[in-house]
N, C-alpha and C. Protein backbone atom coordinates (compact mmCIF):
# COMPACT_ATOMS: atom_id res chain seq x y z
N UNK A 1 23.15 -19.66 -40.02
CA UNK A 1 22.05 -20.53 -39.63
C UNK A 1 20.87 -19.67 -39.16
N UNK A 2 19.68 -19.95 -39.68
CA UNK A 2 18.50 -19.16 -39.35
C UNK A 2 17.96 -19.53 -37.98
N UNK A 3 17.64 -18.53 -37.17
CA UNK A 3 17.06 -18.75 -35.84
C UNK A 3 15.56 -18.97 -36.01
N UNK A 4 15.11 -20.19 -35.77
CA UNK A 4 13.70 -20.53 -35.99
C UNK A 4 12.85 -20.38 -34.74
N UNK A 5 13.45 -19.88 -33.66
CA UNK A 5 12.69 -19.76 -32.43
C UNK A 5 11.60 -18.70 -32.57
N UNK A 6 10.43 -18.98 -32.00
CA UNK A 6 9.31 -18.04 -32.03
C UNK A 6 9.48 -17.01 -30.93
N UNK A 7 8.99 -15.79 -31.16
CA UNK A 7 9.05 -14.76 -30.10
C UNK A 7 8.30 -15.24 -28.86
N UNK A 8 8.83 -14.91 -27.72
CA UNK A 8 8.21 -15.28 -26.45
C UNK A 8 7.15 -14.24 -26.10
N UNK A 9 5.88 -14.57 -26.38
CA UNK A 9 4.80 -13.61 -26.15
C UNK A 9 4.60 -13.33 -24.67
N UNK A 10 4.89 -14.32 -23.83
CA UNK A 10 4.75 -14.13 -22.39
C UNK A 10 5.72 -13.08 -21.89
N UNK A 11 6.97 -13.19 -22.35
CA UNK A 11 7.98 -12.23 -21.93
C UNK A 11 7.65 -10.84 -22.48
N UNK A 12 7.18 -10.79 -23.74
CA UNK A 12 6.83 -9.51 -24.33
C UNK A 12 5.67 -8.87 -23.57
N UNK A 13 4.68 -9.66 -23.18
CA UNK A 13 3.54 -9.15 -22.44
C UNK A 13 3.97 -8.62 -21.08
N UNK A 14 4.88 -9.33 -20.44
CA UNK A 14 5.36 -8.89 -19.13
C UNK A 14 6.12 -7.57 -19.24
N UNK A 15 6.92 -7.43 -20.29
CA UNK A 15 7.63 -6.16 -20.51
C UNK A 15 6.64 -5.02 -20.72
N UNK A 16 5.61 -5.28 -21.50
CA UNK A 16 4.60 -4.26 -21.77
C UNK A 16 3.85 -3.90 -20.50
N UNK A 17 3.50 -4.91 -19.72
CA UNK A 17 2.78 -4.67 -18.47
C UNK A 17 3.64 -3.82 -17.52
N UNK A 18 4.90 -4.16 -17.43
CA UNK A 18 5.80 -3.42 -16.56
C UNK A 18 5.93 -1.97 -17.03
N UNK A 19 6.03 -1.77 -18.33
CA UNK A 19 6.14 -0.42 -18.88
C UNK A 19 4.87 0.39 -18.60
N UNK A 20 3.72 -0.26 -18.66
CA UNK A 20 2.45 0.41 -18.38
C UNK A 20 2.37 0.81 -16.91
N UNK A 21 2.79 -0.09 -16.02
CA UNK A 21 2.83 0.24 -14.59
C UNK A 21 3.67 1.50 -14.36
N UNK A 22 4.87 1.49 -14.89
CA UNK A 22 5.80 2.60 -14.68
C UNK A 22 5.25 3.89 -15.28
N UNK A 23 4.63 3.79 -16.44
CA UNK A 23 4.07 4.98 -17.08
C UNK A 23 2.92 5.56 -16.27
N UNK A 24 2.04 4.71 -15.79
CA UNK A 24 0.89 5.19 -15.00
C UNK A 24 1.36 5.88 -13.73
N UNK A 25 2.28 5.27 -13.01
CA UNK A 25 2.77 5.86 -11.77
C UNK A 25 3.51 7.17 -12.04
N UNK A 26 4.30 7.20 -13.10
CA UNK A 26 5.06 8.41 -13.42
C UNK A 26 4.14 9.56 -13.80
N UNK A 27 3.14 9.29 -14.61
CA UNK A 27 2.24 10.36 -15.06
C UNK A 27 1.42 10.93 -13.92
N UNK A 28 0.93 10.06 -13.06
CA UNK A 28 0.16 10.54 -11.92
C UNK A 28 1.02 11.43 -11.03
N UNK A 29 2.29 11.07 -10.88
CA UNK A 29 3.19 11.88 -10.08
C UNK A 29 3.53 13.20 -10.74
N UNK A 30 3.60 13.22 -12.07
CA UNK A 30 4.02 14.42 -12.79
C UNK A 30 2.88 15.40 -13.07
N UNK A 31 1.73 14.87 -13.51
CA UNK A 31 0.65 15.77 -13.95
C UNK A 31 -0.65 15.58 -13.15
N UNK A 32 -0.66 14.61 -12.24
CA UNK A 32 -1.86 14.39 -11.45
C UNK A 32 -2.80 13.37 -12.08
N UNK A 33 -3.67 12.83 -11.25
CA UNK A 33 -4.58 11.79 -11.72
C UNK A 33 -5.58 12.31 -12.74
N UNK A 34 -6.12 13.50 -12.50
CA UNK A 34 -7.17 14.03 -13.37
C UNK A 34 -6.69 14.19 -14.81
N UNK A 35 -5.44 14.57 -15.00
CA UNK A 35 -4.91 14.79 -16.35
C UNK A 35 -4.32 13.53 -16.97
N UNK A 36 -4.15 12.51 -16.18
CA UNK A 36 -3.63 11.25 -16.71
C UNK A 36 -4.71 10.54 -17.50
N UNK A 37 -4.38 10.06 -18.68
CA UNK A 37 -5.33 9.36 -19.54
C UNK A 37 -4.76 8.03 -20.00
N UNK A 38 -5.65 7.18 -20.48
CA UNK A 38 -5.21 5.91 -21.06
C UNK A 38 -4.28 6.18 -22.24
N UNK A 39 -4.64 7.18 -23.05
CA UNK A 39 -3.81 7.53 -24.21
C UNK A 39 -2.41 7.96 -23.77
N UNK A 40 -2.37 8.76 -22.70
CA UNK A 40 -1.08 9.21 -22.21
C UNK A 40 -0.24 8.08 -21.66
N UNK A 41 -0.89 7.17 -20.94
CA UNK A 41 -0.17 6.01 -20.40
C UNK A 41 0.38 5.16 -21.54
N UNK A 42 -0.46 4.93 -22.56
CA UNK A 42 -0.03 4.10 -23.70
C UNK A 42 1.17 4.73 -24.40
N UNK A 43 1.09 6.04 -24.63
CA UNK A 43 2.19 6.72 -25.32
C UNK A 43 3.47 6.66 -24.49
N UNK A 44 3.35 6.87 -23.19
CA UNK A 44 4.52 6.85 -22.30
C UNK A 44 5.13 5.45 -22.25
N UNK A 45 4.27 4.42 -22.27
CA UNK A 45 4.74 3.04 -22.17
C UNK A 45 5.20 2.47 -23.51
N UNK A 46 4.85 3.17 -24.59
CA UNK A 46 5.24 2.67 -25.91
C UNK A 46 4.41 1.48 -26.37
N UNK A 47 3.12 1.48 -25.97
CA UNK A 47 2.21 0.40 -26.38
C UNK A 47 0.97 1.02 -27.01
N UNK A 48 0.18 0.19 -27.64
CA UNK A 48 -1.07 0.67 -28.21
C UNK A 48 -2.14 0.82 -27.14
N UNK A 49 -3.05 1.76 -27.37
CA UNK A 49 -4.13 1.98 -26.42
C UNK A 49 -4.96 0.72 -26.20
N UNK A 50 -5.15 -0.02 -27.27
CA UNK A 50 -5.96 -1.24 -27.15
C UNK A 50 -5.29 -2.30 -26.29
N UNK A 51 -3.97 -2.26 -26.20
CA UNK A 51 -3.27 -3.19 -25.31
C UNK A 51 -3.69 -2.96 -23.88
N UNK A 52 -3.81 -1.70 -23.49
CA UNK A 52 -4.24 -1.38 -22.13
C UNK A 52 -5.69 -1.79 -21.91
N UNK A 53 -6.56 -1.46 -22.86
CA UNK A 53 -7.97 -1.80 -22.69
C UNK A 53 -8.21 -3.31 -22.71
N UNK A 54 -7.28 -4.04 -23.30
CA UNK A 54 -7.42 -5.50 -23.30
C UNK A 54 -7.19 -6.07 -21.90
N UNK A 55 -6.39 -5.37 -21.10
CA UNK A 55 -6.06 -5.86 -19.76
C UNK A 55 -6.80 -5.15 -18.65
N UNK A 56 -7.17 -3.89 -18.85
CA UNK A 56 -7.83 -3.11 -17.79
C UNK A 56 -9.00 -2.31 -18.36
N UNK A 57 -10.06 -2.14 -17.58
CA UNK A 57 -11.23 -1.40 -18.07
C UNK A 57 -11.12 0.11 -17.94
N UNK A 58 -10.17 0.60 -17.13
CA UNK A 58 -10.10 2.04 -16.88
C UNK A 58 -8.71 2.41 -16.38
N UNK A 59 -8.44 3.72 -16.35
CA UNK A 59 -7.14 4.17 -15.84
C UNK A 59 -7.04 3.91 -14.33
N UNK A 60 -8.19 3.94 -13.64
CA UNK A 60 -8.17 3.64 -12.20
C UNK A 60 -7.72 2.20 -11.96
N UNK A 61 -8.18 1.29 -12.80
CA UNK A 61 -7.78 -0.11 -12.67
C UNK A 61 -6.30 -0.29 -12.96
N UNK A 62 -5.80 0.45 -13.95
CA UNK A 62 -4.37 0.40 -14.26
C UNK A 62 -3.56 0.88 -13.05
N UNK A 63 -3.97 2.02 -12.50
CA UNK A 63 -3.23 2.61 -11.39
C UNK A 63 -3.27 1.72 -10.16
N UNK A 64 -4.43 1.11 -9.89
CA UNK A 64 -4.53 0.23 -8.73
C UNK A 64 -3.56 -0.94 -8.85
N UNK A 65 -3.52 -1.57 -10.02
CA UNK A 65 -2.62 -2.71 -10.19
C UNK A 65 -1.16 -2.28 -10.14
N UNK A 66 -0.88 -1.11 -10.71
CA UNK A 66 0.50 -0.60 -10.66
C UNK A 66 0.90 -0.31 -9.22
N UNK A 67 -0.04 0.22 -8.44
CA UNK A 67 0.25 0.55 -7.05
C UNK A 67 0.43 -0.73 -6.22
N UNK A 68 -0.38 -1.74 -6.49
CA UNK A 68 -0.22 -3.01 -5.80
C UNK A 68 1.15 -3.62 -6.10
N UNK A 69 1.58 -3.50 -7.34
CA UNK A 69 2.90 -4.00 -7.72
C UNK A 69 3.99 -3.21 -7.02
N UNK A 70 3.81 -1.90 -6.91
CA UNK A 70 4.77 -1.05 -6.21
C UNK A 70 4.87 -1.45 -4.75
N UNK A 71 3.72 -1.70 -4.12
CA UNK A 71 3.70 -2.10 -2.71
C UNK A 71 4.39 -3.44 -2.51
N UNK A 72 4.19 -4.34 -3.46
CA UNK A 72 4.81 -5.66 -3.37
C UNK A 72 6.33 -5.56 -3.47
N UNK A 73 6.79 -4.69 -4.37
CA UNK A 73 8.23 -4.50 -4.50
C UNK A 73 8.82 -3.87 -3.24
N UNK A 74 8.07 -2.91 -2.66
CA UNK A 74 8.55 -2.24 -1.46
C UNK A 74 8.66 -3.21 -0.29
N UNK A 75 7.74 -4.17 -0.25
CA UNK A 75 7.76 -5.15 0.85
C UNK A 75 8.97 -6.07 0.77
N UNK A 76 9.50 -6.28 -0.44
CA UNK A 76 10.68 -7.12 -0.65
C UNK A 76 10.54 -8.49 0.01
N UNK A 77 9.33 -9.04 -0.13
CA UNK A 77 9.10 -10.39 0.39
C UNK A 77 8.76 -10.44 1.86
N UNK A 78 8.82 -9.31 2.57
CA UNK A 78 8.50 -9.30 3.99
C UNK A 78 6.98 -9.22 4.15
N UNK A 79 6.38 -10.29 4.63
CA UNK A 79 4.92 -10.36 4.71
C UNK A 79 4.43 -10.52 6.14
N UNK A 80 5.30 -10.26 7.10
CA UNK A 80 4.91 -10.39 8.51
C UNK A 80 5.44 -9.19 9.29
N UNK A 81 4.73 -8.84 10.36
CA UNK A 81 5.28 -7.90 11.32
C UNK A 81 6.24 -8.68 12.21
N UNK A 82 7.44 -8.19 12.43
CA UNK A 82 8.42 -8.95 13.23
C UNK A 82 7.85 -9.31 14.60
N UNK A 83 8.28 -10.45 15.11
CA UNK A 83 7.90 -10.86 16.46
C UNK A 83 9.17 -11.21 17.21
N UNK A 84 9.75 -10.18 17.82
CA UNK A 84 10.99 -10.36 18.56
C UNK A 84 10.73 -10.64 20.03
N UNK A 85 9.45 -10.61 20.41
CA UNK A 85 9.11 -10.73 21.82
C UNK A 85 8.92 -9.39 22.49
N UNK A 86 9.21 -8.31 21.75
CA UNK A 86 9.04 -6.95 22.26
C UNK A 86 8.04 -6.25 21.36
N UNK A 87 6.78 -6.23 21.77
CA UNK A 87 5.71 -5.69 20.92
C UNK A 87 5.96 -4.23 20.57
N UNK A 88 6.34 -3.43 21.55
CA UNK A 88 6.55 -2.01 21.30
C UNK A 88 7.64 -1.78 20.25
N UNK A 89 8.74 -2.50 20.37
CA UNK A 89 9.84 -2.35 19.41
C UNK A 89 9.41 -2.79 18.02
N UNK A 90 8.66 -3.88 17.95
CA UNK A 90 8.21 -4.38 16.65
C UNK A 90 7.27 -3.39 15.97
N UNK A 91 6.35 -2.82 16.74
CA UNK A 91 5.40 -1.87 16.17
C UNK A 91 6.09 -0.56 15.78
N UNK A 92 7.04 -0.12 16.57
CA UNK A 92 7.78 1.10 16.21
C UNK A 92 8.51 0.89 14.88
N UNK A 93 9.10 -0.28 14.70
CA UNK A 93 9.81 -0.58 13.46
C UNK A 93 8.87 -0.50 12.26
N UNK A 94 7.70 -1.11 12.39
CA UNK A 94 6.75 -1.15 11.29
C UNK A 94 6.17 0.23 11.01
N UNK A 95 5.81 0.96 12.05
CA UNK A 95 5.22 2.28 11.83
C UNK A 95 6.24 3.27 11.27
N UNK A 96 7.49 3.14 11.69
CA UNK A 96 8.53 4.00 11.10
C UNK A 96 8.69 3.71 9.60
N UNK A 97 8.64 2.44 9.24
CA UNK A 97 8.74 2.08 7.82
C UNK A 97 7.53 2.61 7.05
N UNK A 98 6.36 2.58 7.71
CA UNK A 98 5.15 3.11 7.08
C UNK A 98 5.26 4.62 6.87
N UNK A 99 5.82 5.32 7.84
CA UNK A 99 6.04 6.76 7.71
C UNK A 99 6.95 7.04 6.52
N UNK A 100 8.02 6.29 6.38
CA UNK A 100 8.95 6.48 5.26
C UNK A 100 8.23 6.26 3.93
N UNK A 101 7.39 5.25 3.89
CA UNK A 101 6.64 4.96 2.67
C UNK A 101 5.67 6.09 2.34
N UNK A 102 4.93 6.56 3.34
CA UNK A 102 3.96 7.62 3.11
C UNK A 102 4.63 8.93 2.69
N UNK A 103 5.84 9.16 3.15
CA UNK A 103 6.57 10.38 2.78
C UNK A 103 7.25 10.27 1.42
N UNK A 104 7.24 9.09 0.83
CA UNK A 104 7.88 8.90 -0.46
C UNK A 104 7.00 9.43 -1.59
N UNK A 105 7.54 10.28 -2.47
CA UNK A 105 6.75 10.77 -3.61
C UNK A 105 6.22 9.64 -4.49
N UNK A 106 6.97 8.55 -4.58
CA UNK A 106 6.54 7.42 -5.41
C UNK A 106 5.25 6.81 -4.87
N UNK A 107 5.08 6.87 -3.54
CA UNK A 107 3.88 6.33 -2.91
C UNK A 107 2.77 7.37 -2.83
N UNK A 108 3.14 8.59 -2.51
CA UNK A 108 2.16 9.62 -2.16
C UNK A 108 1.17 9.92 -3.28
N UNK A 109 1.66 10.22 -4.47
CA UNK A 109 0.77 10.63 -5.55
C UNK A 109 -0.23 9.55 -5.95
N UNK A 110 0.20 8.32 -6.23
CA UNK A 110 -0.79 7.30 -6.59
C UNK A 110 -1.71 6.93 -5.45
N UNK A 111 -1.20 6.96 -4.22
CA UNK A 111 -2.05 6.61 -3.08
C UNK A 111 -3.16 7.64 -2.90
N UNK A 112 -2.84 8.91 -3.04
CA UNK A 112 -3.85 9.96 -2.92
C UNK A 112 -4.86 9.88 -4.07
N UNK A 113 -4.38 9.58 -5.26
CA UNK A 113 -5.28 9.44 -6.40
C UNK A 113 -6.27 8.30 -6.19
N UNK A 114 -5.78 7.18 -5.70
CA UNK A 114 -6.65 6.04 -5.46
C UNK A 114 -7.62 6.32 -4.32
N UNK A 115 -7.16 7.03 -3.30
CA UNK A 115 -8.04 7.37 -2.18
C UNK A 115 -9.18 8.27 -2.66
N UNK A 116 -8.85 9.25 -3.49
CA UNK A 116 -9.87 10.16 -4.00
C UNK A 116 -10.84 9.44 -4.92
N UNK A 117 -10.32 8.60 -5.79
CA UNK A 117 -11.18 7.88 -6.73
C UNK A 117 -12.06 6.88 -6.01
N UNK A 118 -11.57 6.32 -4.92
CA UNK A 118 -12.35 5.34 -4.16
C UNK A 118 -13.60 5.96 -3.55
N UNK A 119 -13.57 7.27 -3.30
CA UNK A 119 -14.73 7.96 -2.74
C UNK A 119 -15.92 7.90 -3.69
N UNK A 120 -15.64 7.99 -4.99
CA UNK A 120 -16.72 8.02 -5.99
C UNK A 120 -16.89 6.68 -6.71
N UNK A 121 -16.02 5.74 -6.41
CA UNK A 121 -16.09 4.43 -7.07
C UNK A 121 -16.08 3.31 -6.03
N UNK A 122 -17.25 2.86 -5.60
CA UNK A 122 -17.32 1.77 -4.62
C UNK A 122 -16.60 0.51 -5.08
N UNK A 123 -16.64 0.25 -6.38
CA UNK A 123 -15.97 -0.94 -6.91
C UNK A 123 -14.46 -0.85 -6.71
N UNK A 124 -13.89 0.30 -7.04
CA UNK A 124 -12.45 0.49 -6.84
C UNK A 124 -12.10 0.43 -5.36
N UNK A 125 -12.95 1.06 -4.53
CA UNK A 125 -12.70 1.04 -3.08
C UNK A 125 -12.69 -0.38 -2.56
N UNK A 126 -13.63 -1.20 -3.03
CA UNK A 126 -13.68 -2.58 -2.59
C UNK A 126 -12.45 -3.36 -2.99
N UNK A 127 -11.96 -3.13 -4.21
CA UNK A 127 -10.76 -3.82 -4.67
C UNK A 127 -9.54 -3.37 -3.88
N UNK A 128 -9.47 -2.06 -3.61
CA UNK A 128 -8.34 -1.51 -2.86
C UNK A 128 -8.27 -2.13 -1.46
N UNK A 129 -9.43 -2.22 -0.82
CA UNK A 129 -9.49 -2.79 0.53
C UNK A 129 -9.14 -4.28 0.49
N UNK A 130 -9.74 -5.00 -0.45
CA UNK A 130 -9.57 -6.45 -0.52
C UNK A 130 -8.14 -6.86 -0.90
N UNK A 131 -7.58 -6.16 -1.87
CA UNK A 131 -6.28 -6.58 -2.40
C UNK A 131 -5.08 -6.02 -1.64
N UNK A 132 -5.24 -4.85 -1.03
CA UNK A 132 -4.08 -4.23 -0.39
C UNK A 132 -4.29 -3.96 1.09
N UNK A 133 -5.34 -3.22 1.43
CA UNK A 133 -5.49 -2.77 2.80
C UNK A 133 -5.75 -3.91 3.78
N UNK A 134 -6.72 -4.76 3.46
CA UNK A 134 -7.09 -5.82 4.39
C UNK A 134 -5.94 -6.79 4.69
N UNK A 135 -5.20 -7.24 3.68
CA UNK A 135 -4.06 -8.12 3.99
C UNK A 135 -3.04 -7.46 4.93
N UNK A 136 -2.82 -6.15 4.76
CA UNK A 136 -1.88 -5.46 5.64
C UNK A 136 -2.43 -5.35 7.06
N UNK A 137 -3.72 -5.08 7.19
CA UNK A 137 -4.32 -4.97 8.51
C UNK A 137 -4.30 -6.31 9.25
N UNK A 138 -4.45 -7.38 8.52
CA UNK A 138 -4.44 -8.70 9.15
C UNK A 138 -3.08 -9.02 9.76
N UNK A 139 -2.02 -8.40 9.25
CA UNK A 139 -0.71 -8.60 9.85
C UNK A 139 -0.67 -8.03 11.26
N UNK A 140 -1.36 -6.91 11.47
CA UNK A 140 -1.45 -6.33 12.81
C UNK A 140 -2.28 -7.23 13.72
N UNK A 141 -3.37 -7.75 13.19
CA UNK A 141 -4.20 -8.66 13.98
C UNK A 141 -3.37 -9.85 14.46
N UNK A 142 -2.61 -10.42 13.55
CA UNK A 142 -1.81 -11.60 13.89
C UNK A 142 -0.77 -11.27 14.97
N UNK A 143 -0.09 -10.11 14.81
CA UNK A 143 0.94 -9.75 15.78
C UNK A 143 0.33 -9.42 17.15
N UNK A 144 -0.81 -8.74 17.16
CA UNK A 144 -1.46 -8.42 18.43
C UNK A 144 -2.01 -9.67 19.11
N UNK A 145 -2.47 -10.61 18.33
CA UNK A 145 -2.95 -11.87 18.91
C UNK A 145 -1.80 -12.62 19.57
N UNK A 146 -0.64 -12.61 18.91
CA UNK A 146 0.53 -13.24 19.52
C UNK A 146 0.91 -12.53 20.82
N UNK A 147 0.74 -11.21 20.85
CA UNK A 147 1.05 -10.45 22.06
C UNK A 147 0.06 -10.77 23.18
N UNK A 148 -1.17 -11.08 22.82
CA UNK A 148 -2.14 -11.52 23.83
C UNK A 148 -1.69 -12.82 24.48
N UNK A 149 -1.16 -13.71 23.65
CA UNK A 149 -0.75 -15.02 24.14
C UNK A 149 0.44 -14.92 25.11
N UNK A 150 1.24 -13.86 24.96
CA UNK A 150 2.39 -13.69 25.86
C UNK A 150 2.09 -12.72 27.00
N UNK A 151 0.86 -12.20 27.04
CA UNK A 151 0.48 -11.31 28.13
C UNK A 151 0.83 -9.85 27.94
N UNK A 152 1.33 -9.48 26.75
CA UNK A 152 1.67 -8.07 26.51
C UNK A 152 0.42 -7.24 26.22
N UNK A 153 -0.61 -7.88 25.75
CA UNK A 153 -1.89 -7.22 25.46
C UNK A 153 -2.97 -7.99 26.19
N UNK A 154 -3.87 -7.29 26.82
CA UNK A 154 -4.88 -7.97 27.62
C UNK A 154 -5.86 -8.73 26.74
N UNK A 155 -6.42 -9.77 27.28
CA UNK A 155 -7.40 -10.56 26.56
C UNK A 155 -8.73 -9.82 26.52
N UNK A 156 -9.57 -10.22 25.57
CA UNK A 156 -10.92 -9.68 25.50
C UNK A 156 -11.07 -8.42 24.69
N UNK A 157 -9.96 -7.84 24.19
CA UNK A 157 -10.10 -6.62 23.39
C UNK A 157 -10.43 -6.97 21.95
N UNK A 158 -11.03 -6.03 21.24
CA UNK A 158 -11.31 -6.18 19.81
C UNK A 158 -10.03 -5.83 19.06
N UNK A 159 -9.40 -6.83 18.47
CA UNK A 159 -8.12 -6.60 17.81
C UNK A 159 -8.25 -5.67 16.61
N UNK A 160 -9.42 -5.65 16.01
CA UNK A 160 -9.62 -4.75 14.87
C UNK A 160 -9.60 -3.29 15.33
N UNK A 161 -10.22 -3.02 16.44
CA UNK A 161 -10.16 -1.66 16.99
C UNK A 161 -8.74 -1.35 17.45
N UNK A 162 -8.10 -2.32 18.05
CA UNK A 162 -6.74 -2.12 18.57
C UNK A 162 -5.79 -1.71 17.45
N UNK A 163 -5.84 -2.39 16.32
CA UNK A 163 -4.90 -2.07 15.24
C UNK A 163 -5.15 -0.67 14.69
N UNK A 164 -6.41 -0.21 14.77
CA UNK A 164 -6.72 1.13 14.28
C UNK A 164 -6.08 2.22 15.14
N UNK A 165 -5.74 1.87 16.37
CA UNK A 165 -5.04 2.83 17.23
C UNK A 165 -3.64 3.13 16.68
N UNK A 166 -3.09 2.20 15.91
CA UNK A 166 -1.76 2.39 15.32
C UNK A 166 -1.85 2.95 13.90
N UNK A 167 -2.74 2.39 13.09
CA UNK A 167 -2.80 2.78 11.68
C UNK A 167 -3.63 4.04 11.45
N UNK A 168 -4.67 4.24 12.26
CA UNK A 168 -5.56 5.37 12.06
C UNK A 168 -4.88 6.73 12.14
N UNK A 169 -4.10 6.99 13.20
CA UNK A 169 -3.44 8.30 13.31
C UNK A 169 -2.51 8.61 12.13
N UNK A 170 -1.79 7.60 11.65
CA UNK A 170 -0.90 7.83 10.51
C UNK A 170 -1.71 8.22 9.28
N UNK A 171 -2.78 7.47 9.01
CA UNK A 171 -3.61 7.75 7.84
C UNK A 171 -4.24 9.14 7.95
N UNK A 172 -4.69 9.49 9.14
CA UNK A 172 -5.33 10.79 9.35
C UNK A 172 -4.36 11.93 9.09
N UNK A 173 -3.16 11.83 9.63
CA UNK A 173 -2.18 12.90 9.44
C UNK A 173 -1.72 12.97 7.99
N UNK A 174 -1.60 11.80 7.36
CA UNK A 174 -1.20 11.77 5.95
C UNK A 174 -2.25 12.42 5.05
N UNK A 175 -3.51 12.13 5.30
CA UNK A 175 -4.58 12.68 4.47
C UNK A 175 -4.69 14.19 4.62
N UNK A 176 -4.59 14.69 5.85
CA UNK A 176 -4.78 16.11 6.09
C UNK A 176 -3.57 16.96 5.72
N UNK A 177 -2.38 16.38 5.84
CA UNK A 177 -1.14 17.08 5.52
C UNK A 177 -0.95 18.34 6.37
N UNK A 178 -1.51 18.34 7.55
CA UNK A 178 -1.39 19.52 8.41
C UNK A 178 -0.14 19.49 9.27
N UNK A 179 0.32 18.30 9.62
CA UNK A 179 1.50 18.15 10.46
C UNK A 179 2.41 17.10 9.83
N UNK A 180 3.71 17.19 10.10
CA UNK A 180 4.65 16.26 9.47
C UNK A 180 4.52 14.84 10.02
N UNK A 181 4.78 13.88 9.14
CA UNK A 181 4.86 12.47 9.54
C UNK A 181 6.33 12.17 9.82
N UNK A 182 6.63 11.81 11.05
CA UNK A 182 8.01 11.57 11.45
C UNK A 182 8.13 10.26 12.23
N UNK A 183 9.36 9.80 12.37
CA UNK A 183 9.60 8.61 13.19
C UNK A 183 9.20 8.87 14.64
N UNK A 184 9.44 10.08 15.11
CA UNK A 184 9.09 10.40 16.49
C UNK A 184 7.58 10.30 16.70
N UNK A 185 6.83 10.74 15.71
CA UNK A 185 5.37 10.64 15.79
C UNK A 185 4.94 9.17 15.83
N UNK A 186 5.58 8.36 15.00
CA UNK A 186 5.26 6.92 14.99
C UNK A 186 5.55 6.30 16.36
N UNK A 187 6.67 6.67 16.97
CA UNK A 187 7.01 6.14 18.28
C UNK A 187 5.98 6.55 19.34
N UNK A 188 5.51 7.78 19.24
CA UNK A 188 4.53 8.26 20.22
C UNK A 188 3.19 7.53 20.06
N UNK A 189 2.82 7.23 18.82
CA UNK A 189 1.59 6.47 18.59
C UNK A 189 1.67 5.13 19.31
N UNK A 190 2.80 4.45 19.15
CA UNK A 190 2.98 3.16 19.80
C UNK A 190 2.89 3.31 21.32
N UNK A 191 3.57 4.30 21.85
CA UNK A 191 3.56 4.49 23.30
C UNK A 191 2.15 4.78 23.82
N UNK A 192 1.45 5.68 23.15
CA UNK A 192 0.10 6.04 23.60
C UNK A 192 -0.86 4.86 23.48
N UNK A 193 -0.78 4.16 22.35
CA UNK A 193 -1.71 3.06 22.13
C UNK A 193 -1.46 1.91 23.11
N UNK A 194 -0.20 1.55 23.31
CA UNK A 194 0.10 0.43 24.19
C UNK A 194 -0.21 0.73 25.64
N UNK A 195 -0.11 1.95 26.06
CA UNK A 195 -0.48 2.30 27.42
C UNK A 195 -1.96 2.03 27.64
N UNK A 196 -2.74 2.18 26.60
CA UNK A 196 -4.16 1.90 26.70
C UNK A 196 -4.49 0.43 26.58
N UNK A 197 -3.54 -0.34 26.06
CA UNK A 197 -3.77 -1.78 25.83
C UNK A 197 -3.11 -2.65 26.88
N UNK A 198 -2.35 -2.06 27.75
CA UNK A 198 -1.61 -2.85 28.74
C UNK A 198 -2.56 -3.64 29.64
N UNK A 199 -2.14 -4.81 30.11
CA UNK A 199 -3.00 -5.61 31.01
C UNK A 199 -3.42 -4.85 32.23
N UNK A 200 -4.66 -5.01 32.61
CA UNK A 200 -5.18 -4.33 33.80
C UNK A 200 -4.98 -5.19 35.04
N UNK A 201 -4.84 -4.56 36.21
CA UNK A 201 -4.68 -5.32 37.46
C UNK A 201 -5.90 -6.22 37.70
């Protein structure tokens, strides 16, 4: 009996998209962003070059979407900072996980490539901030606001500045690569930052 079913183009497109994501991330990790090309990504993914150009305008756009997908998989559906009632413990947990992510080769190479490209591409920088960075920062705002309501953080502070006390040092050390990123360092960031945020008499 002849199978008259038509090929599922949606499933085929998703397979191709996934292969392109994996190829882009792998090539950036192996040969660096500068040497990575659309042609190389297409060859690695087993698709035509025009398939990539039909979905993305540049290799930077491909890498950004692949990195966003990687971040989503790493989150495994967790979209909140825990609220156990212990702000310090919750922040230590999150910052330790961030340290592990930053130390991962799968994260490091594409993240550095996007950071460098964002310097010369305002459009890419805007997309990176809007699609990935800002949603993550808002999780800190939400958790710190909850801590204000329970008296763990004093009222009247700028929560945007407050969250930078936690995220800024990690980003700075990661970018410079001068000192190791460790769980102990993450714990100290929390301790130092919260001592400055504690309610005043």
